[in-house]
Protein backbone atom coordinates (compact mmCIF):
# COMPACT_ATOMS: atom_id res chain seq x y z
CA UNK A 1 -86.42 53.17 0.66
CA UNK A 2 -86.92 49.42 0.58
CA UNK A 3 -84.75 47.39 2.92
CA UNK A 4 -84.09 43.72 2.19
CA UNK A 5 -82.76 41.19 4.66
CA UNK A 6 -80.90 38.10 3.50
CA UNK A 7 -80.43 35.09 5.72
CA UNK A 8 -77.26 33.17 4.94
CA UNK A 9 -75.95 30.08 6.69
CA UNK A 10 -72.92 30.97 8.82
CA UNK A 11 -70.50 28.89 6.76
CA UNK A 12 -71.64 30.61 3.55
CA UNK A 13 -71.38 34.12 4.98
CA UNK A 14 -67.91 33.34 6.40
CA UNK A 15 -66.81 32.01 3.02
CA UNK A 16 -68.22 35.00 1.10
CA UNK A 17 -66.73 37.58 3.44
CA UNK A 18 -63.31 35.85 3.66
CA UNK A 19 -62.03 37.94 0.75
CA UNK A 20 -62.71 41.04 2.82
CA UNK A 21 -65.59 42.16 0.63
CA UNK A 22 -68.61 43.95 2.02
CA UNK A 23 -71.48 41.47 1.71
CA UNK A 24 -74.14 44.17 1.60
CA UNK A 25 -72.39 45.95 -1.27
CA UNK A 26 -71.70 42.67 -3.09
CA UNK A 27 -75.40 41.71 -2.87
CA UNK A 28 -76.49 45.14 -4.13
CA UNK A 29 -74.05 44.94 -7.05
CA UNK A 30 -75.19 41.42 -7.96
CA UNK A 31 -78.85 42.47 -7.99
CA UNK A 32 -78.02 45.61 -9.98
CA UNK A 33 -75.95 43.70 -12.55
CA UNK A 34 -78.69 41.14 -13.11
CA UNK A 35 -81.34 43.85 -13.47
CA UNK A 36 -79.13 45.64 -16.01
CA UNK A 37 -78.55 42.39 -17.95
CA UNK A 38 -82.31 41.82 -18.06
CA UNK A 39 -82.80 45.42 -19.27
CA UNK A 40 -84.83 46.34 -16.19
CA UNK A 41 -82.34 49.10 -15.26
CA UNK A 42 -80.89 51.75 -17.53
CA UNK A 43 -77.28 52.89 -17.30
CA UNK A 44 -78.35 56.06 -15.48
CA UNK A 45 -80.50 54.09 -13.01
CA UNK A 46 -77.56 51.76 -12.40
CA UNK A 47 -75.31 54.77 -11.79
CA UNK A 48 -77.67 56.24 -9.20
CA UNK A 49 -78.32 52.90 -7.50
CA UNK A 50 -74.62 52.20 -7.05
CA UNK A 51 -73.77 55.79 -6.13
CA UNK A 52 -71.42 56.51 -9.02
CA UNK A 53 -70.86 60.09 -10.11
CA UNK A 54 -70.14 59.46 -13.77
CA UNK A 55 -71.13 57.19 -16.64
CA UNK A 56 -67.46 56.28 -16.99
CA UNK A 57 -67.53 54.70 -13.54
CA UNK A 58 -70.57 52.66 -14.54
CA UNK A 59 -68.86 51.55 -17.75
CA UNK A 60 -65.78 50.47 -15.77
CA UNK A 61 -67.99 48.58 -13.28
CA UNK A 62 -69.77 46.74 -16.11
CA UNK A 63 -66.48 45.89 -17.80
CA UNK A 64 -65.02 44.61 -14.52
CA UNK A 65 -67.96 42.22 -14.24
CA UNK A 66 -67.94 41.14 -17.89
CA UNK A 67 -71.25 42.80 -18.72
CA UNK A 68 -71.59 44.47 -22.09
CA UNK A 69 -72.69 48.08 -22.23
CA UNK A 70 -75.97 48.51 -24.10
CA UNK A 71 -75.25 51.07 -26.80
CA UNK A 72 -77.79 51.40 -29.57
CA UNK A 73 -78.36 53.65 -32.55
CA UNK A 74 -80.09 56.27 -30.41
CA UNK A 75 -77.03 56.42 -28.14
CA UNK A 76 -74.76 56.78 -31.15
CA UNK A 77 -76.90 59.58 -32.60
CA UNK A 78 -76.94 61.40 -29.25
CA UNK A 79 -73.15 61.19 -28.99
CA UNK A 80 -72.73 62.27 -32.61
CA UNK A 81 -74.89 65.36 -32.06
CA UNK A 82 -73.04 66.20 -28.86
CA UNK A 83 -69.74 65.92 -30.73
CA UNK A 84 -71.02 68.11 -33.55
CA UNK A 85 -72.00 70.78 -31.03
CA UNK A 86 -68.45 71.15 -29.74
CA UNK A 87 -66.83 74.27 -31.12
CA UNK A 88 -63.26 73.79 -32.20
CA UNK A 89 -60.98 76.80 -32.18
CA UNK A 90 -58.50 76.72 -35.05
CA UNK A 91 -54.85 76.54 -34.01
CA UNK A 92 -52.96 79.77 -34.62
């Protein structure tokens, strides 16, 4: 696994961590968001990178950061087929 070291001036790191956020996690999320925006990461790659268990968590993360979910015709067709495969039991 690649390890990256960032050198920040003390006043910047104090300012960024004042909100109580984890700087390492914030940096990882910023890099991941930008890579997703640039279409260098897929939704599933983003999920694994950030350690989320579900696509729903990824969708919530993207929404929280104002990033639109990429959802194309292939995604729609996949979801349509998955929905068609669900067997519905008639109510008695």
